[in-house]
Amino acid sequence: MNQAKREKIGSIADKIRSVLRVETPVDLEKVIEALGGRIEYLGPSADRPEASIEKDPHRARGFVIRLAGDKVIARQRFSLAHELGHLFLHMGFADIERWRSAPNFVESYNRQGYGEQEYEAHEFAAAFLMPSAEYKQMLAASGSDVSKVAEHFDVSREAALYRGRWLEVINW
């Protein structure tokens, strides 16, 4: 994914945060509920993805995110944000006509694999949970302590580290 695509996805994430008046750390359950979605927490299973999203067949603008409930909270939070990435980037939730024509379930919309859509959903999750400007400000204020940045955004240290690398403020 090129830098222009990253910036476009970041802009979409920022706009959604602004419209929904989302504050840091993001209350993902509240965001999902406000959008008309719900979360189903599932037990562990080796034969299903860690998280997936589909349209709710019982509600015109509803959706369901299925999430493995056996993962650490920081990973669950990133997975939920990742699925929101699919919702906005690939399922057309922000465009009512596109949403209506989207299939009820698209198997590729899950946190599993390494296709272009998965990378885009990861980028959205990182941008939604850790907006670029706020990330850079926190990194500077913390003296480049990635653990403090992760704590501020309520994400894993690894997620905060990768966000800094992709923002080109932390060396690879």
C-alpha atoms as a PDB file:
ATOM      1  CA  MET A   1       0.000   0.000   0.000  1.00  0.00           C
ATOM      2  CA  ASN A   2       1.416   3.366  -0.954  1.00  0.00           C
ATOM      3  CA  GLN A   3       1.545   6.490   1.196  1.00  0.00           C
ATOM      4  CA  ALA A   4      -1.301   8.204  -0.672  1.00  0.00           C
ATOM      5  CA  LYS A   5      -3.593   5.268   0.096  1.00  0.00           C
ATOM      6  CA  ARG A   6      -2.549   5.342   3.775  1.00  0.00           C
ATOM      7  CA  GLU A   7      -3.321   9.049   3.963  1.00  0.00           C
ATOM      8  CA  LYS A   8      -6.715   8.571   2.302  1.00  0.00           C
ATOM      9  CA  ILE A   9      -7.635   5.823   4.778  1.00  0.00           C
ATOM     10  CA  GLY A  10      -6.401   8.002   7.652  1.00  0.00           C
ATOM     11  CA  SER A  11      -8.575  10.850   6.397  1.00  0.00           C
ATOM     12  CA  ILE A  12     -11.633   8.564   6.313  1.00  0.00           C
ATOM     13  CA  ALA A  13     -10.914   7.357   9.856  1.00  0.00           C
ATOM     14  CA  ASP A  14     -10.467  10.943  11.064  1.00  0.00           C
ATOM     15  CA  LYS A  15     -13.733  12.018   9.448  1.00  0.00           C
ATOM     16  CA  ILE A  16     -15.645   9.162  11.076  1.00  0.00           C
ATOM     17  CA  ARG A  17     -14.104  10.011  14.462  1.00  0.00           C
ATOM     18  CA  SER A  18     -15.160  13.627  13.973  1.00  0.00           C
ATOM     19  CA  VAL A  19     -18.741  12.857  12.893  1.00  0.00           C
ATOM     20  CA  LEU A  20     -19.204  10.427  15.799  1.00  0.00           C
ATOM     21  CA  ARG A  21     -17.339  12.727  18.232  1.00  0.00           C
ATOM     22  CA  VAL A  22     -15.035   9.899  19.223  1.00  0.00           C
ATOM     23  CA  GLU A  23     -12.495  10.556  21.950  1.00  0.00           C
ATOM     24  CA  THR A  24      -9.322   8.700  22.882  1.00  0.00           C
ATOM     25  CA  PRO A  25      -9.248   5.958  23.951  1.00  0.00           C
ATOM     26  CA  VAL A  26     -11.982   4.899  21.563  1.00  0.00           C
ATOM     27  CA  ASP A  27     -14.980   3.214  23.180  1.00  0.00           C
ATOM     28  CA  LEU A  28     -15.510   0.706  20.371  1.00  0.00           C
ATOM     29  CA  GLU A  29     -18.601  -0.888  21.852  1.00  0.00           C
ATOM     30  CA  LYS A  30     -20.255   2.539  22.025  1.00  0.00           C
ATOM     31  CA  VAL A  31     -19.175   3.378  18.445  1.00  0.00           C
ATOM     32  CA  ILE A  32     -20.489   0.074  17.092  1.00  0.00           C
ATOM     33  CA  GLU A  33     -23.787   0.521  18.909  1.00  0.00           C
ATOM     34  CA  ALA A  34     -24.121   4.119  17.655  1.00  0.00           C
ATOM     35  CA  LEU A  35     -23.648   2.871  14.090  1.00  0.00           C
ATOM     36  CA  GLY A  36     -26.400   0.272  14.519  1.00  0.00           C
ATOM     37  CA  GLY A  37     -24.122  -2.702  14.966  1.00  0.00           C
ATOM     38  CA  ARG A  38     -23.687  -5.339  17.609  1.00  0.00           C
ATOM     39  CA  ILE A  39     -20.880  -7.573  18.790  1.00  0.00           C
ATOM     40  CA  GLU A  40     -21.160 -11.313  19.293  1.00  0.00           C
ATOM     41  CA  TYR A  41     -18.391 -12.695  21.483  1.00  0.00           C
ATOM     42  CA  LEU A  42     -17.515 -16.246  20.509  1.00  0.00           C
ATOM     43  CA  GLY A  43     -15.511 -18.944  22.211  1.00  0.00           C
ATOM     44  CA  PRO A  44     -12.180 -20.124  20.824  1.00  0.00           C
ATOM     45  CA  SER A  45     -12.149 -22.099  17.598  1.00  0.00           C
ATOM     46  CA  ALA A  46      -9.340 -23.005  15.254  1.00  0.00           C
ATOM     47  CA  ASP A  47     -11.630 -23.197  12.229  1.00  0.00           C
ATOM     48  CA  ARG A  48     -13.036 -19.652  12.238  1.00  0.00           C
ATOM     49  CA  PRO A  49     -11.444 -16.229  11.942  1.00  0.00           C
ATOM     50  CA  GLU A  50     -10.542 -14.163  14.983  1.00  0.00           C
ATOM     51  CA  ALA A  51     -13.096 -11.563  13.912  1.00  0.00           C
ATOM     52  CA  SER A  52     -15.561 -11.091  11.069  1.00  0.00           C
ATOM     53  CA  ILE A  53     -18.318  -8.734  10.005  1.00  0.00           C
ATOM     54  CA  GLU A  54     -21.554  -9.170   8.129  1.00  0.00           C
ATOM     55  CA  LYS A  55     -24.761  -7.281   7.500  1.00  0.00           C
ATOM     56  CA  ASP A  56     -27.494  -7.991  10.023  1.00  0.00           C
ATOM     57  CA  PRO A  57     -30.281  -9.639   8.025  1.00  0.00           C
ATOM     58  CA  HIS A  58     -32.876  -8.364  10.515  1.00  0.00           C
ATOM     59  CA  ARG A  59     -31.984  -4.648  10.336  1.00  0.00           C
ATOM     60  CA  ALA A  60     -31.611  -2.495   7.207  1.00  0.00           C
ATOM     61  CA  ARG A  61     -28.551  -0.579   8.463  1.00  0.00           C
ATOM     62  CA  GLY A  62     -27.388  -3.102  11.025  1.00  0.00           C
ATOM     63  CA  PHE A  63     -24.287  -5.248  11.123  1.00  0.00           C
ATOM     64  CA  VAL A  64     -22.797  -7.922  13.339  1.00  0.00           C
ATOM     65  CA  ILE A  65     -19.167  -8.251  14.325  1.00  0.00           C
ATOM     66  CA  ARG A  66     -18.240 -11.705  15.556  1.00  0.00           C
ATOM     67  CA  LEU A  67     -15.211 -11.659  17.821  1.00  0.00           C
ATOM     68  CA  ALA A  68     -13.175 -14.379  19.492  1.00  0.00           C
ATOM     69  CA  GLY A  69     -13.645 -13.675  23.174  1.00  0.00           C
ATOM     70  CA  ASP A  70     -10.493 -15.487  24.222  1.00  0.00           C
ATOM     71  CA  LYS A  71      -7.996 -12.852  23.005  1.00  0.00           C
ATOM     72  CA  VAL A  72      -6.423 -10.140  25.139  1.00  0.00           C
ATOM     73  CA  ILE A  73      -8.444  -6.924  25.289  1.00  0.00           C
ATOM     74  CA  ALA A  74      -5.965  -4.868  23.248  1.00  0.00           C
ATOM     75  CA  ARG A  75      -6.151  -7.418  20.426  1.00  0.00           C
ATOM     76  CA  GLN A  76      -9.953  -7.514  20.617  1.00  0.00           C
ATOM     77  CA  ARG A  77     -10.036  -3.720  20.369  1.00  0.00           C
ATOM     78  CA  PHE A  78      -7.828  -3.739  17.284  1.00  0.00           C
ATOM     79  CA  SER A  79      -9.955  -6.511  15.750  1.00  0.00           C
ATOM     80  CA  LEU A  80     -13.144  -4.502  16.304  1.00  0.00           C
ATOM     81  CA  ALA A  81     -11.579  -1.423  14.700  1.00  0.00           C
ATOM     82  CA  HIS A  82     -10.303  -3.623  11.850  1.00  0.00           C
ATOM     83  CA  GLU A  83     -13.850  -4.830  11.174  1.00  0.00           C
ATOM     84  CA  LEU A  84     -15.057  -1.218  11.163  1.00  0.00           C
ATOM     85  CA  GLY A  85     -12.441  -0.701   8.454  1.00  0.00           C
ATOM     86  CA  HIS A  86     -14.132  -3.360   6.331  1.00  0.00           C
ATOM     87  CA  LEU A  87     -17.513  -1.768   7.101  1.00  0.00           C
ATOM     88  CA  PHE A  88     -16.485   1.647   5.771  1.00  0.00           C
ATOM     89  CA  LEU A  89     -13.824   0.796   3.192  1.00  0.00           C
ATOM     90  CA  HIS A  90     -15.208  -2.359   1.589  1.00  0.00           C
ATOM     91  CA  MET A  91     -18.876  -2.761   2.465  1.00  0.00           C
ATOM     92  CA  GLY A  92     -19.898   0.808   1.657  1.00  0.00           C
ATOM     93  CA  PHE A  93     -21.617   1.584   4.944  1.00  0.00           C
ATOM     94  CA  ALA A  94     -21.277   5.354   4.481  1.00  0.00           C
ATOM     95  CA  ASP A  95     -23.002   5.185   1.057  1.00  0.00           C
ATOM     96  CA  ILE A  96     -26.605   4.009   1.456  1.00  0.00           C
ATOM     97  CA  GLU A  97     -26.932   2.760  -2.140  1.00  0.00           C
ATOM     98  CA  ARG A  98     -23.658   0.866  -1.998  1.00  0.00           C
ATOM     99  CA  TRP A  99     -24.623  -0.578   1.397  1.00  0.00           C
ATOM    100  CA  ARG A 100     -27.997  -1.773   0.085  1.00  0.00           C
ATOM    101  CA  SER A 101     -26.343  -3.567  -2.828  1.00  0.00           C
ATOM    102  CA  ALA A 102     -23.562  -5.124  -0.734  1.00  0.00           C
ATOM    103  CA  PRO A 103     -24.009  -8.854  -0.141  1.00  0.00           C
ATOM    104  CA  ASN A 104     -25.201  -9.941   3.307  1.00  0.00           C
ATOM    105  CA  PHE A 105     -21.982 -11.754   4.068  1.00  0.00           C
ATOM    106  CA  VAL A 106     -18.637 -11.573   2.365  1.00  0.00           C
ATOM    107  CA  GLU A 107     -16.319 -14.223   3.672  1.00  0.00           C
ATOM    108  CA  SER A 108     -13.197 -12.170   2.976  1.00  0.00           C
ATOM    109  CA  TYR A 109     -14.276  -9.487   5.456  1.00  0.00           C
ATOM    110  CA  ASN A 110     -12.554 -10.963   8.450  1.00  0.00           C
ATOM    111  CA  ARG A 111      -9.358 -10.472  10.361  1.00  0.00           C
ATOM    112  CA  GLN A 112      -7.493 -13.284   8.717  1.00  0.00           C
ATOM    113  CA  GLY A 113      -5.130 -13.416   5.777  1.00  0.00           C
ATOM    114  CA  TYR A 114      -2.929 -10.880   4.040  1.00  0.00           C
ATOM    115  CA  GLY A 115      -4.827  -9.546   1.007  1.00  0.00           C
ATOM    116  CA  GLU A 116      -5.064  -5.875   0.071  1.00  0.00           C
ATOM    117  CA  GLN A 117      -8.394  -5.487   1.872  1.00  0.00           C
ATOM    118  CA  GLU A 118      -6.861  -6.871   5.053  1.00  0.00           C
ATOM    119  CA  TYR A 119      -3.985  -4.387   4.896  1.00  0.00           C
ATOM    120  CA  GLU A 120      -6.451  -1.557   4.291  1.00  0.00           C
ATOM    121  CA  ALA A 121      -8.600  -2.643   7.249  1.00  0.00           C
ATOM    122  CA  HIS A 122      -5.463  -2.802   9.425  1.00  0.00           C
ATOM    123  CA  GLU A 123      -4.517   0.704   8.345  1.00  0.00           C
ATOM    124  CA  PHE A 124      -8.022   1.947   9.140  1.00  0.00           C
ATOM    125  CA  ALA A 125      -7.920   0.326  12.588  1.00  0.00           C
ATOM    126  CA  ALA A 126      -4.580   1.928  13.401  1.00  0.00           C
ATOM    127  CA  ALA A 127      -5.719   5.345  12.164  1.00  0.00           C
ATOM    128  CA  PHE A 128      -9.074   5.119  13.945  1.00  0.00           C
ATOM    129  CA  LEU A 129      -7.548   4.094  17.270  1.00  0.00           C
ATOM    130  CA  MET A 130      -4.398   6.252  16.969  1.00  0.00           C
ATOM    131  CA  PRO A 131      -4.954   9.341  14.790  1.00  0.00           C
ATOM    132  CA  SER A 132      -1.749  10.560  13.174  1.00  0.00           C
ATOM    133  CA  ALA A 133      -1.524  14.018  14.755  1.00  0.00           C
ATOM    134  CA  GLU A 134      -2.448  12.768  18.219  1.00  0.00           C
ATOM    135  CA  TYR A 135      -0.016   9.866  17.885  1.00  0.00           C
ATOM    136  CA  LYS A 136       2.881  12.177  16.994  1.00  0.00           C
ATOM    137  CA  GLN A 137       1.987  14.529  19.830  1.00  0.00           C
ATOM    138  CA  MET A 138       1.838  11.665  22.351  1.00  0.00           C
ATOM    139  CA  LEU A 139       5.100  10.179  21.125  1.00  0.00           C
ATOM    140  CA  ALA A 140       6.862  13.518  21.609  1.00  0.00           C
ATOM    141  CA  ALA A 141       5.235  14.122  25.014  1.00  0.00           C
ATOM    142  CA  SER A 142       6.254  10.654  26.201  1.00  0.00           C
ATOM    143  CA  GLY A 143       9.885  11.086  25.199  1.00  0.00           C
ATOM    144  CA  SER A 144       9.386   8.432  22.490  1.00  0.00           C
ATOM    145  CA  ASP A 145       8.202   5.846  25.014  1.00  0.00           C
ATOM    146  CA  VAL A 146       6.056   3.536  22.875  1.00  0.00           C
ATOM    147  CA  SER A 147       4.642   1.807  25.966  1.00  0.00           C
ATOM    148  CA  LYS A 148       3.214   5.123  27.186  1.00  0.00           C
ATOM    149  CA  VAL A 149       1.779   5.791  23.735  1.00  0.00           C
ATOM    150  CA  ALA A 150       0.160   2.345  23.726  1.00  0.00           C
ATOM    151  CA  GLU A 151      -1.296   2.975  27.173  1.00  0.00           C
ATOM    152  CA  HIS A 152      -2.725   6.336  26.076  1.00  0.00           C
ATOM    153  CA  PHE A 153      -4.541   4.777  23.110  1.00  0.00           C
ATOM    154  CA  ASP A 154      -5.373   1.520  24.952  1.00  0.00           C
ATOM    155  CA  VAL A 155      -3.686  -0.631  22.308  1.00  0.00           C
ATOM    156  CA  SER A 156      -0.894  -3.168  22.419  1.00  0.00           C
ATOM    157  CA  ARG A 157       2.692  -1.972  22.432  1.00  0.00           C
ATOM    158  CA  GLU A 158       3.158  -3.783  19.125  1.00  0.00           C
ATOM    159  CA  ALA A 159       0.245  -1.887  17.514  1.00  0.00           C
ATOM    160  CA  ALA A 160       1.640   1.434  18.764  1.00  0.00           C
ATOM    161  CA  LEU A 161       5.116   0.535  17.515  1.00  0.00           C
ATOM    162  CA  TYR A 162       3.900  -0.394  14.032  1.00  0.00           C
ATOM    163  CA  ARG A 163       1.764   2.752  13.846  1.00  0.00           C
ATOM    164  CA  GLY A 164       4.844   4.836  14.557  1.00  0.00           C
ATOM    165  CA  ARG A 165       6.853   2.986  11.930  1.00  0.00           C
ATOM    166  CA  TRP A 166       4.196   3.441   9.246  1.00  0.00           C
ATOM    167  CA  LEU A 167       3.885   7.107  10.196  1.00  0.00           C
ATOM    168  CA  GLU A 168       7.683   7.256   9.741  1.00  0.00           C
ATOM    169  CA  VAL A 169       8.296   8.666  13.218  1.00  0.00           C
ATOM    170  CA  ILE A 170       9.892   5.455  14.547  1.00  0.00           C
ATOM    171  CA  ASN A 171      12.659   3.631  12.721  1.00  0.00           C
ATOM    172  CA  TRP A 172      12.151   0.148  11.388  1.00  0.00           C
END
